[in-house]
Amino acid sequence: MPKIVDHEAERQRLAAAACQTIARAGVEGATLRAIADEARCSTGPLVHYFGDKNQVLIHALRCAARETGSRMLHALGREKGRAALRAIAQEGLPLDEVRQAEWRVWLSFWGQAVTSRDLAAEQRQRYTAWRRLIQVVLERAQATNELGAGLDLEREAELLVALIDGIGIQAMFEPARFDRRRQLQLLDAHLDRLFSAAT
């Protein structure tokens, strides 16, 4: 009897292997052979499911974004207002080994996206969705009077994303200075100003 293959699950498995390879070796080191070794298969399935390395990289980026986004949505389901915003922001910071590995993937892709139209488009989509998610949380906080009515919520979402990126980059390059405690202090300082000044 022939083996039944769940093609979408296999694509996700290979994309996850690409993410792990990128986190360890960067985009340059994520050759088809290296990704196949991580996935414990030949390069054949990678070519079959994705076509070329560029498509593998795009799906790896989507895989990383999906993992982070899933955690953010889970946090949104548990919390509201400031607590929801803090929980979502924490998922975007390199606070532990899992999120540090995701940051290594993001940093690798940022460098490549500067000269790759396809990767740049993926990055734009990710940032658009992230800013929109944060804006929705701010809109809900404003609707319950946790935030003042006069705030430009689109601008506040942009500021928070920029802050998270800035903290994350510094934490990846100066982990001793920007440890978990310091990252959360900086995040909380921003949220304290946002919510206290707006009420």
N, C-alpha and C. Protein backbone atom coordinates (compact mmCIF):
# COMPACT_ATOMS: atom_id res chain seq x y z
N MET A 1 0.85 -1.19 0.00
CA MET A 1 0.00 0.00 0.00
C MET A 1 0.89 1.25 0.00
N PRO A 2 0.65 2.21 -0.91
CA PRO A 2 1.52 3.40 -0.97
C PRO A 2 1.36 4.26 0.28
N LYS A 3 2.46 4.92 0.65
CA LYS A 3 2.46 5.80 1.80
C LYS A 3 1.67 7.07 1.49
N ILE A 4 0.78 7.45 2.40
CA ILE A 4 0.00 8.67 2.23
C ILE A 4 0.77 9.83 2.84
N VAL A 5 1.02 10.85 2.03
CA VAL A 5 1.81 11.99 2.47
C VAL A 5 0.90 13.21 2.61
N ASP A 6 0.96 13.83 3.75
CA ASP A 6 0.27 15.11 3.96
C ASP A 6 1.20 16.19 3.41
N HIS A 7 0.90 16.65 2.20
CA HIS A 7 1.82 17.55 1.51
C HIS A 7 2.00 18.88 2.23
N GLU A 8 0.92 19.43 2.78
CA GLU A 8 1.05 20.71 3.47
C GLU A 8 1.88 20.55 4.74
N ALA A 9 1.68 19.45 5.46
CA ALA A 9 2.47 19.19 6.67
C ALA A 9 3.94 19.03 6.31
N GLU A 10 4.22 18.39 5.17
CA GLU A 10 5.60 18.21 4.75
C GLU A 10 6.24 19.53 4.36
N ARG A 11 5.47 20.39 3.69
CA ARG A 11 5.98 21.72 3.36
C ARG A 11 6.32 22.50 4.62
N GLN A 12 5.45 22.41 5.61
CA GLN A 12 5.69 23.11 6.88
C GLN A 12 6.91 22.54 7.59
N ARG A 13 7.07 21.25 7.55
CA ARG A 13 8.23 20.62 8.19
C ARG A 13 9.53 21.09 7.54
N LEU A 14 9.54 21.14 6.22
CA LEU A 14 10.73 21.59 5.50
C LEU A 14 11.00 23.07 5.74
N ALA A 15 9.93 23.88 5.80
CA ALA A 15 10.10 25.31 6.09
C ALA A 15 10.66 25.50 7.49
N ALA A 16 10.19 24.70 8.44
CA ALA A 16 10.70 24.78 9.82
C ALA A 16 12.18 24.40 9.86
N ALA A 17 12.55 23.40 9.08
CA ALA A 17 13.96 23.01 9.00
C ALA A 17 14.80 24.14 8.42
N ALA A 18 14.25 24.85 7.44
CA ALA A 18 14.95 26.00 6.87
C ALA A 18 15.13 27.09 7.91
N CYS A 19 14.10 27.34 8.73
CA CYS A 19 14.20 28.34 9.81
C CYS A 19 15.30 27.97 10.79
N GLN A 20 15.35 26.71 11.17
CA GLN A 20 16.36 26.26 12.13
C GLN A 20 17.76 26.41 11.54
N THR A 21 17.88 26.11 10.26
CA THR A 21 19.18 26.24 9.59
C THR A 21 19.61 27.70 9.53
N ILE A 22 18.66 28.59 9.18
CA ILE A 22 18.96 30.02 9.10
C ILE A 22 19.34 30.57 10.46
N ALA A 23 18.62 30.15 11.50
CA ALA A 23 18.93 30.62 12.86
C ALA A 23 20.34 30.22 13.27
N ARG A 24 20.79 29.09 12.79
CA ARG A 24 22.11 28.59 13.16
C ARG A 24 23.21 29.12 12.24
N ALA A 25 22.94 29.19 10.94
CA ALA A 25 24.00 29.46 9.97
C ALA A 25 23.78 30.70 9.12
N GLY A 26 22.65 31.41 9.32
CA GLY A 26 22.35 32.57 8.49
C GLY A 26 21.82 32.15 7.13
N VAL A 27 21.34 33.13 6.38
CA VAL A 27 20.80 32.84 5.05
C VAL A 27 21.88 32.28 4.14
N GLU A 28 23.09 32.85 4.24
CA GLU A 28 24.19 32.39 3.38
C GLU A 28 24.51 30.92 3.62
N GLY A 29 24.42 30.49 4.87
CA GLY A 29 24.72 29.11 5.20
C GLY A 29 23.57 28.16 5.00
N ALA A 30 22.40 28.70 4.69
CA ALA A 30 21.21 27.87 4.51
C ALA A 30 21.13 27.38 3.07
N THR A 31 22.09 26.55 2.69
CA THR A 31 22.05 25.94 1.36
C THR A 31 20.97 24.87 1.35
N LEU A 32 20.56 24.46 0.16
CA LEU A 32 19.58 23.38 0.06
C LEU A 32 20.10 22.13 0.75
N ARG A 33 21.40 21.87 0.63
CA ARG A 33 21.98 20.69 1.26
C ARG A 33 21.91 20.79 2.79
N ALA A 34 22.22 21.98 3.32
CA ALA A 34 22.18 22.17 4.77
C ALA A 34 20.75 22.05 5.31
N ILE A 35 19.80 22.61 4.58
CA ILE A 35 18.40 22.51 4.99
C ILE A 35 17.93 21.06 4.92
N ALA A 36 18.32 20.36 3.85
CA ALA A 36 17.95 18.96 3.72
C ALA A 36 18.54 18.12 4.85
N ASP A 37 19.77 18.43 5.24
CA ASP A 37 20.39 17.72 6.36
C ASP A 37 19.60 17.96 7.65
N GLU A 38 19.18 19.21 7.86
CA GLU A 38 18.38 19.53 9.04
C GLU A 38 17.05 18.77 9.03
N ALA A 39 16.47 18.64 7.84
CA ALA A 39 15.18 17.96 7.69
C ALA A 39 15.33 16.44 7.57
N ARG A 40 16.58 15.97 7.50
CA ARG A 40 16.88 14.53 7.37
C ARG A 40 16.24 13.94 6.12
N CYS A 41 16.55 14.62 5.02
CA CYS A 41 16.05 14.14 3.73
C CYS A 41 17.06 14.55 2.66
N SER A 42 16.80 14.16 1.43
CA SER A 42 17.63 14.61 0.32
C SER A 42 17.16 16.00 -0.11
N THR A 43 17.86 16.61 -1.04
CA THR A 43 17.43 17.92 -1.54
C THR A 43 16.21 17.79 -2.46
N GLY A 44 15.91 16.57 -2.88
CA GLY A 44 14.78 16.35 -3.79
C GLY A 44 13.46 16.91 -3.29
N PRO A 45 13.05 16.61 -2.04
CA PRO A 45 11.78 17.16 -1.56
C PRO A 45 11.75 18.68 -1.52
N LEU A 46 12.88 19.31 -1.23
CA LEU A 46 12.92 20.77 -1.21
C LEU A 46 12.64 21.34 -2.60
N VAL A 47 13.29 20.75 -3.59
CA VAL A 47 13.08 21.20 -4.97
C VAL A 47 11.64 20.90 -5.40
N HIS A 48 11.13 19.74 -4.99
CA HIS A 48 9.76 19.34 -5.36
C HIS A 48 8.73 20.31 -4.79
N TYR A 49 8.85 20.63 -3.51
CA TYR A 49 7.84 21.46 -2.86
C TYR A 49 8.02 22.95 -3.08
N PHE A 50 9.26 23.40 -3.28
CA PHE A 50 9.50 24.84 -3.34
C PHE A 50 10.10 25.33 -4.65
N GLY A 51 10.76 24.49 -5.39
CA GLY A 51 11.33 24.90 -6.66
C GLY A 51 12.77 25.35 -6.57
N ASP A 52 13.05 26.36 -5.77
CA ASP A 52 14.42 26.85 -5.65
C ASP A 52 14.65 27.40 -4.25
N LYS A 53 15.88 27.80 -3.99
CA LYS A 53 16.25 28.27 -2.65
C LYS A 53 15.47 29.51 -2.27
N ASN A 54 15.22 30.42 -3.21
CA ASN A 54 14.51 31.65 -2.88
C ASN A 54 13.11 31.34 -2.34
N GLN A 55 12.44 30.38 -2.94
CA GLN A 55 11.10 30.00 -2.46
C GLN A 55 11.18 29.32 -1.10
N VAL A 56 12.23 28.55 -0.87
CA VAL A 56 12.43 27.94 0.45
C VAL A 56 12.57 29.04 1.50
N LEU A 57 13.35 30.08 1.18
CA LEU A 57 13.57 31.17 2.11
C LEU A 57 12.28 31.92 2.41
N ILE A 58 11.48 32.16 1.38
CA ILE A 58 10.21 32.86 1.57
C ILE A 58 9.31 32.05 2.50
N HIS A 59 9.25 30.74 2.30
CA HIS A 59 8.41 29.91 3.16
C HIS A 59 8.98 29.81 4.57
N ALA A 60 10.29 29.87 4.70
CA ALA A 60 10.90 29.88 6.03
C ALA A 60 10.52 31.16 6.77
N LEU A 61 10.54 32.28 6.07
CA LEU A 61 10.15 33.55 6.67
C LEU A 61 8.68 33.50 7.10
N ARG A 62 7.84 32.93 6.26
CA ARG A 62 6.42 32.80 6.61
C ARG A 62 6.24 31.88 7.82
N CYS A 63 7.05 30.83 7.88
CA CYS A 63 6.98 29.90 9.01
C CYS A 63 7.32 30.62 10.31
N ALA A 64 8.40 31.39 10.30
CA ALA A 64 8.80 32.14 11.50
C ALA A 64 7.74 33.16 11.88
N ALA A 65 7.18 33.86 10.89
CA ALA A 65 6.14 34.85 11.17
C ALA A 65 4.89 34.19 11.72
N ARG A 66 4.57 33.01 11.20
CA ARG A 66 3.38 32.30 11.67
C ARG A 66 3.52 31.89 13.14
N GLU A 67 4.71 31.42 13.52
CA GLU A 67 4.94 31.02 14.91
C GLU A 67 4.79 32.21 15.85
N THR A 68 5.44 33.31 15.50
CA THR A 68 5.35 34.50 16.34
C THR A 68 3.93 35.04 16.36
N GLY A 69 3.31 35.11 15.20
CA GLY A 69 1.94 35.62 15.11
C GLY A 69 0.95 34.77 15.89
N SER A 70 1.14 33.47 15.87
CA SER A 70 0.26 32.57 16.62
C SER A 70 0.33 32.85 18.11
N ARG A 71 1.54 33.07 18.61
CA ARG A 71 1.69 33.38 20.03
C ARG A 71 1.06 34.73 20.36
N MET A 72 1.21 35.70 19.45
CA MET A 72 0.61 37.02 19.68
C MET A 72 -0.91 36.92 19.74
N LEU A 73 -1.51 36.17 18.83
CA LEU A 73 -2.96 36.02 18.82
C LEU A 73 -3.45 35.28 20.05
N HIS A 74 -2.66 34.30 20.50
CA HIS A 74 -3.01 33.58 21.73
C HIS A 74 -3.00 34.54 22.92
N ALA A 75 -1.99 35.40 22.97
CA ALA A 75 -1.91 36.39 24.05
C ALA A 75 -3.10 37.34 23.98
N LEU A 76 -3.49 37.73 22.77
CA LEU A 76 -4.62 38.63 22.59
C LEU A 76 -5.91 38.00 23.10
N GLY A 77 -6.02 36.69 22.97
CA GLY A 77 -7.21 36.00 23.45
C GLY A 77 -7.30 35.95 24.96
N ARG A 78 -6.18 36.10 25.65
CA ARG A 78 -6.15 36.01 27.12
C ARG A 78 -6.27 37.37 27.79
N GLU A 79 -5.80 38.43 27.12
CA GLU A 79 -5.67 39.74 27.76
C GLU A 79 -6.43 40.82 27.00
N LYS A 80 -6.58 41.97 27.65
CA LYS A 80 -7.21 43.13 27.02
C LYS A 80 -6.39 44.38 27.36
N GLY A 81 -6.58 45.42 26.55
CA GLY A 81 -5.99 46.71 26.84
C GLY A 81 -4.48 46.68 26.97
N ARG A 82 -3.98 47.35 28.01
CA ARG A 82 -2.54 47.46 28.22
C ARG A 82 -1.89 46.09 28.37
N ALA A 83 -2.56 45.19 29.11
CA ALA A 83 -2.00 43.85 29.32
C ALA A 83 -1.87 43.09 28.00
N ALA A 84 -2.85 43.25 27.11
CA ALA A 84 -2.78 42.60 25.80
C ALA A 84 -1.64 43.18 24.97
N LEU A 85 -1.51 44.49 25.01
CA LEU A 85 -0.45 45.15 24.24
C LEU A 85 0.92 44.70 24.74
N ARG A 86 1.08 44.63 26.04
CA ARG A 86 2.35 44.18 26.63
C ARG A 86 2.64 42.73 26.25
N ALA A 87 1.62 41.88 26.31
CA ALA A 87 1.81 40.46 25.98
C ALA A 87 2.22 40.29 24.52
N ILE A 88 1.58 41.03 23.63
CA ILE A 88 1.91 40.95 22.21
C ILE A 88 3.33 41.46 21.97
N ALA A 89 3.67 42.59 22.58
CA ALA A 89 5.00 43.16 22.40
C ALA A 89 6.08 42.21 22.91
N GLN A 90 5.82 41.53 24.01
CA GLN A 90 6.81 40.59 24.55
C GLN A 90 7.13 39.48 23.55
N GLU A 91 6.13 39.06 22.77
CA GLU A 91 6.36 38.00 21.79
C GLU A 91 7.29 38.46 20.68
N GLY A 92 7.40 39.77 20.50
CA GLY A 92 8.30 40.31 19.48
C GLY A 92 9.69 40.61 19.97
N LEU A 93 9.96 40.38 21.25
CA LEU A 93 11.27 40.66 21.82
C LEU A 93 12.05 39.37 22.04
N PRO A 94 13.38 39.42 21.93
CA PRO A 94 14.21 38.21 22.12
C PRO A 94 14.44 37.91 23.61
N LEU A 95 13.38 37.51 24.29
CA LEU A 95 13.42 37.34 25.74
C LEU A 95 13.90 35.95 26.18
N ASP A 96 13.90 34.99 25.27
CA ASP A 96 14.33 33.63 25.62
C ASP A 96 14.96 32.98 24.39
N GLU A 97 15.36 31.73 24.53
CA GLU A 97 16.08 31.07 23.44
C GLU A 97 15.23 30.94 22.18
N VAL A 98 13.95 30.64 22.35
CA VAL A 98 13.07 30.49 21.18
C VAL A 98 12.98 31.80 20.41
N ARG A 99 12.72 32.88 21.13
CA ARG A 99 12.57 34.17 20.47
C ARG A 99 13.91 34.73 19.98
N GLN A 100 15.00 34.37 20.63
CA GLN A 100 16.32 34.76 20.12
C GLN A 100 16.61 34.07 18.80
N ALA A 101 16.22 32.79 18.69
CA ALA A 101 16.40 32.07 17.42
C ALA A 101 15.57 32.72 16.32
N GLU A 102 14.34 33.12 16.66
CA GLU A 102 13.51 33.81 15.68
C GLU A 102 14.15 35.13 15.26
N TRP A 103 14.75 35.83 16.21
CA TRP A 103 15.42 37.08 15.87
C TRP A 103 16.62 36.85 14.96
N ARG A 104 17.35 35.76 15.15
CA ARG A 104 18.46 35.46 14.23
C ARG A 104 17.93 35.26 12.81
N VAL A 105 16.76 34.65 12.70
CA VAL A 105 16.13 34.49 11.38
C VAL A 105 15.77 35.86 10.82
N TRP A 106 15.09 36.70 11.63
CA TRP A 106 14.70 38.03 11.14
C TRP A 106 15.92 38.83 10.69
N LEU A 107 16.96 38.85 11.50
CA LEU A 107 18.15 39.63 11.16
C LEU A 107 18.77 39.13 9.85
N SER A 108 18.81 37.83 9.68
CA SER A 108 19.35 37.27 8.43
C SER A 108 18.52 37.72 7.23
N PHE A 109 17.19 37.71 7.39
CA PHE A 109 16.32 38.08 6.29
C PHE A 109 16.37 39.58 5.99
N TRP A 110 16.52 40.40 7.02
CA TRP A 110 16.58 41.84 6.76
C TRP A 110 17.72 42.17 5.81
N GLY A 111 18.87 41.57 6.04
CA GLY A 111 20.00 41.83 5.16
C GLY A 111 19.73 41.41 3.73
N GLN A 112 19.09 40.26 3.57
CA GLN A 112 18.78 39.75 2.23
C GLN A 112 17.67 40.57 1.56
N ALA A 113 16.70 41.03 2.37
CA ALA A 113 15.54 41.72 1.80
C ALA A 113 15.90 43.05 1.17
N VAL A 114 17.03 43.61 1.56
CA VAL A 114 17.45 44.89 0.98
C VAL A 114 17.64 44.78 -0.53
N THR A 115 18.08 43.61 -0.99
CA THR A 115 18.35 43.43 -2.42
C THR A 115 17.44 42.40 -3.09
N SER A 116 16.46 41.86 -2.35
CA SER A 116 15.54 40.88 -2.93
C SER A 116 14.13 41.42 -2.91
N ARG A 117 13.56 41.62 -4.09
CA ARG A 117 12.20 42.15 -4.17
C ARG A 117 11.19 41.23 -3.49
N ASP A 118 11.34 39.92 -3.68
CA ASP A 118 10.40 38.97 -3.09
C ASP A 118 10.47 38.97 -1.56
N LEU A 119 11.70 38.95 -1.02
CA LEU A 119 11.84 38.96 0.44
C LEU A 119 11.40 40.30 1.03
N ALA A 120 11.67 41.39 0.32
CA ALA A 120 11.21 42.70 0.78
C ALA A 120 9.69 42.75 0.85
N ALA A 121 9.03 42.16 -0.15
CA ALA A 121 7.56 42.12 -0.14
C ALA A 121 7.04 41.31 1.03
N GLU A 122 7.70 40.20 1.34
CA GLU A 122 7.32 39.40 2.51
C GLU A 122 7.48 40.20 3.79
N GLN A 123 8.56 40.92 3.90
CA GLN A 123 8.80 41.73 5.10
C GLN A 123 7.72 42.81 5.24
N ARG A 124 7.38 43.45 4.14
CA ARG A 124 6.35 44.50 4.19
C ARG A 124 5.01 43.92 4.66
N GLN A 125 4.67 42.75 4.16
CA GLN A 125 3.42 42.11 4.57
C GLN A 125 3.44 41.80 6.06
N ARG A 126 4.56 41.31 6.55
CA ARG A 126 4.68 40.98 7.97
C ARG A 126 4.51 42.23 8.83
N TYR A 127 5.19 43.31 8.45
CA TYR A 127 5.10 44.54 9.23
C TYR A 127 3.69 45.15 9.16
N THR A 128 3.07 45.09 8.01
CA THR A 128 1.71 45.61 7.87
C THR A 128 0.76 44.88 8.82
N ALA A 129 0.86 43.55 8.83
CA ALA A 129 -0.02 42.75 9.70
C ALA A 129 0.27 43.02 11.17
N TRP A 130 1.54 43.17 11.51
CA TRP A 130 1.93 43.41 12.91
C TRP A 130 1.43 44.76 13.39
N ARG A 131 1.64 45.79 12.58
CA ARG A 131 1.16 47.12 12.96
C ARG A 131 -0.36 47.14 13.10
N ARG A 132 -1.03 46.44 12.20
CA ARG A 132 -2.49 46.39 12.25
C ARG A 132 -2.97 45.70 13.52
N LEU A 133 -2.33 44.61 13.90
CA LEU A 133 -2.70 43.90 15.12
C LEU A 133 -2.58 44.82 16.33
N ILE A 134 -1.47 45.53 16.42
CA ILE A 134 -1.26 46.45 17.53
C ILE A 134 -2.30 47.58 17.51
N GLN A 135 -2.60 48.07 16.32
CA GLN A 135 -3.59 49.14 16.22
C GLN A 135 -4.97 48.66 16.68
N VAL A 136 -5.32 47.42 16.36
CA VAL A 136 -6.60 46.86 16.81
C VAL A 136 -6.66 46.83 18.34
N VAL A 137 -5.57 46.42 18.97
CA VAL A 137 -5.53 46.39 20.44
C VAL A 137 -5.68 47.80 21.00
N LEU A 138 -5.02 48.77 20.39
CA LEU A 138 -5.14 50.16 20.83
C LEU A 138 -6.56 50.68 20.64
N GLU A 139 -7.19 50.32 19.52
CA GLU A 139 -8.56 50.74 19.27
C GLU A 139 -9.51 50.18 20.33
N ARG A 140 -9.28 48.93 20.72
CA ARG A 140 -10.12 48.33 21.75
C ARG A 140 -9.90 49.02 23.10
N ALA A 141 -8.64 49.35 23.39
CA ALA A 141 -8.36 50.05 24.64
C ALA A 141 -8.99 51.43 24.64
N GLN A 142 -8.99 52.07 23.49
CA GLN A 142 -9.61 53.39 23.38
C GLN A 142 -11.12 53.29 23.54
N ALA A 143 -11.72 52.24 23.00
CA ALA A 143 -13.17 52.05 23.08
C ALA A 143 -13.64 51.84 24.52
N THR A 144 -12.77 51.31 25.37
CA THR A 144 -13.12 51.09 26.77
C THR A 144 -12.57 52.20 27.67
N ASN A 145 -12.14 53.30 27.05
CA ASN A 145 -11.63 54.48 27.77
C ASN A 145 -10.34 54.22 28.54
N GLU A 146 -9.62 53.18 28.18
CA GLU A 146 -8.30 52.96 28.79
C GLU A 146 -7.27 53.88 28.14
N LEU A 147 -7.56 54.29 26.92
CA LEU A 147 -6.73 55.27 26.20
C LEU A 147 -7.58 56.47 25.85
N GLY A 148 -6.94 57.65 25.81
CA GLY A 148 -7.65 58.86 25.46
C GLY A 148 -8.08 58.88 24.00
N ALA A 149 -9.10 59.67 23.71
CA ALA A 149 -9.68 59.71 22.36
C ALA A 149 -8.82 60.45 21.37
N GLY A 150 -7.89 61.29 21.84
CA GLY A 150 -7.14 62.14 20.93
C GLY A 150 -5.90 61.51 20.32
N LEU A 151 -5.61 60.27 20.65
CA LEU A 151 -4.37 59.65 20.16
C LEU A 151 -4.48 59.25 18.70
N ASP A 152 -3.39 59.38 17.98
CA ASP A 152 -3.27 58.86 16.62
C ASP A 152 -2.81 57.41 16.76
N LEU A 153 -3.74 56.48 16.64
CA LEU A 153 -3.43 55.08 16.94
C LEU A 153 -2.54 54.43 15.88
N GLU A 154 -2.67 54.86 14.65
CA GLU A 154 -1.77 54.34 13.61
C GLU A 154 -0.33 54.72 13.93
N ARG A 155 -0.13 55.97 14.33
CA ARG A 155 1.21 56.44 14.72
C ARG A 155 1.71 55.68 15.95
N GLU A 156 0.86 55.47 16.93
CA GLU A 156 1.28 54.76 18.14
C GLU A 156 1.67 53.32 17.83
N ALA A 157 0.96 52.69 16.89
CA ALA A 157 1.33 51.33 16.48
C ALA A 157 2.69 51.32 15.81
N GLU A 158 2.93 52.32 14.96
CA GLU A 158 4.23 52.43 14.30
C GLU A 158 5.35 52.65 15.31
N LEU A 159 5.09 53.49 16.30
CA LEU A 159 6.10 53.76 17.33
C LEU A 159 6.43 52.50 18.14
N LEU A 160 5.41 51.74 18.48
CA LEU A 160 5.65 50.55 19.29
C LEU A 160 6.43 49.50 18.49
N VAL A 161 6.09 49.32 17.23
CA VAL A 161 6.85 48.38 16.40
C VAL A 161 8.30 48.83 16.28
N ALA A 162 8.52 50.13 16.08
CA ALA A 162 9.89 50.65 15.99
C ALA A 162 10.64 50.44 17.31
N LEU A 163 9.95 50.64 18.43
CA LEU A 163 10.58 50.42 19.73
C LEU A 163 10.98 48.96 19.91
N ILE A 164 10.08 48.05 19.57
CA ILE A 164 10.37 46.62 19.73
C ILE A 164 11.55 46.22 18.85
N ASP A 165 11.55 46.69 17.61
CA ASP A 165 12.70 46.40 16.73
C ASP A 165 13.99 46.95 17.32
N GLY A 166 13.94 48.19 17.81
CA GLY A 166 15.14 48.80 18.37
C GLY A 166 15.67 48.07 19.58
N ILE A 167 14.76 47.72 20.50
CA ILE A 167 15.18 46.95 21.68
C ILE A 167 15.74 45.60 21.25
N GLY A 168 15.03 44.94 20.33
CA GLY A 168 15.45 43.60 19.89
C GLY A 168 16.83 43.59 19.25
N ILE A 169 17.09 44.56 18.39
CA ILE A 169 18.40 44.63 17.74
C ILE A 169 19.50 44.82 18.76
N GLN A 170 19.29 45.75 19.70
CA GLN A 170 20.30 45.99 20.72
C GLN A 170 20.50 44.76 21.61
N ALA A 171 19.40 44.09 21.93
CA ALA A 171 19.49 42.89 22.78
C ALA A 171 20.25 41.77 22.08
N MET A 172 20.11 41.66 20.77
CA MET A 172 20.82 40.60 20.05
C MET A 172 22.33 40.87 20.00
N PHE A 173 22.71 42.16 19.96
CA PHE A 173 24.13 42.49 19.86
C PHE A 173 24.77 42.84 21.20
N GLU A 174 23.95 43.20 22.18
CA GLU A 174 24.46 43.48 23.53
C GLU A 174 23.59 42.76 24.57
N PRO A 175 23.60 41.43 24.56
CA PRO A 175 22.70 40.69 25.45
C PRO A 175 22.96 40.92 26.93
N ALA A 176 24.18 41.22 27.31
CA ALA A 176 24.46 41.47 28.72
C ALA A 176 23.80 42.76 29.19
N ARG A 177 23.85 43.78 28.33
CA ARG A 177 23.25 45.06 28.71
C ARG A 177 21.73 45.03 28.57
N PHE A 178 21.25 44.44 27.48
CA PHE A 178 19.81 44.40 27.22
C PHE A 178 19.29 42.99 27.50
N ASP A 179 19.40 42.58 28.75
CA ASP A 179 18.90 41.26 29.14
C ASP A 179 17.37 41.32 29.25
N ARG A 180 16.77 40.21 29.61
CA ARG A 180 15.31 40.13 29.68
C ARG A 180 14.73 41.25 30.56
N ARG A 181 15.33 41.46 31.73
CA ARG A 181 14.83 42.47 32.66
C ARG A 181 14.87 43.86 32.04
N ARG A 182 15.98 44.21 31.39
CA ARG A 182 16.11 45.53 30.78
C ARG A 182 15.15 45.72 29.62
N GLN A 183 14.98 44.70 28.81
CA GLN A 183 14.03 44.78 27.69
C GLN A 183 12.62 45.10 28.19
N LEU A 184 12.21 44.40 29.23
CA LEU A 184 10.86 44.60 29.77
C LEU A 184 10.73 45.96 30.46
N GLN A 185 11.81 46.42 31.08
CA GLN A 185 11.78 47.76 31.68
C GLN A 185 11.53 48.82 30.62
N LEU A 186 12.23 48.71 29.50
CA LEU A 186 12.07 49.70 28.42
C LEU A 186 10.67 49.63 27.82
N LEU A 187 10.17 48.44 27.62
CA LEU A 187 8.81 48.27 27.10
C LEU A 187 7.80 48.88 28.06
N ASP A 188 7.93 48.57 29.34
CA ASP A 188 6.98 49.07 30.34
C ASP A 188 7.04 50.59 30.47
N ALA A 189 8.23 51.15 30.34
CA ALA A 189 8.36 52.62 30.40
C ALA A 189 7.56 53.27 29.28
N HIS A 190 7.64 52.69 28.09
CA HIS A 190 6.89 53.22 26.95
C HIS A 190 5.38 53.08 27.20
N LEU A 191 4.96 51.91 27.64
CA LEU A 191 3.53 51.68 27.86
C LEU A 191 3.00 52.55 28.99
N ASP A 192 3.80 52.76 30.03
CA ASP A 192 3.39 53.63 31.13
C ASP A 192 3.11 55.04 30.62
N ARG A 193 4.01 55.56 29.79
CA ARG A 193 3.82 56.90 29.24
C ARG A 193 2.59 56.96 28.33
N LEU A 194 2.44 55.92 27.50
CA LEU A 194 1.32 55.89 26.56
C LEU A 194 -0.01 55.88 27.30
N PHE A 195 -0.15 55.01 28.28
CA PHE A 195 -1.44 54.86 28.94
C PHE A 195 -1.69 55.93 30.00
N SER A 196 -0.66 56.45 30.64
CA SER A 196 -0.89 57.48 31.65
C SER A 196 -1.15 58.84 31.02
N ALA A 197 -0.46 59.12 29.93
CA ALA A 197 -0.62 60.41 29.28
C ALA A 197 -1.92 60.51 28.50
N ALA A 198 -2.50 59.37 28.19
CA ALA A 198 -3.66 59.37 27.30
C ALA A 198 -4.99 59.34 28.04
N THR A 199 -4.97 59.17 29.35
CA THR A 199 -6.23 59.06 30.09
C THR A 199 -6.62 60.40 30.67
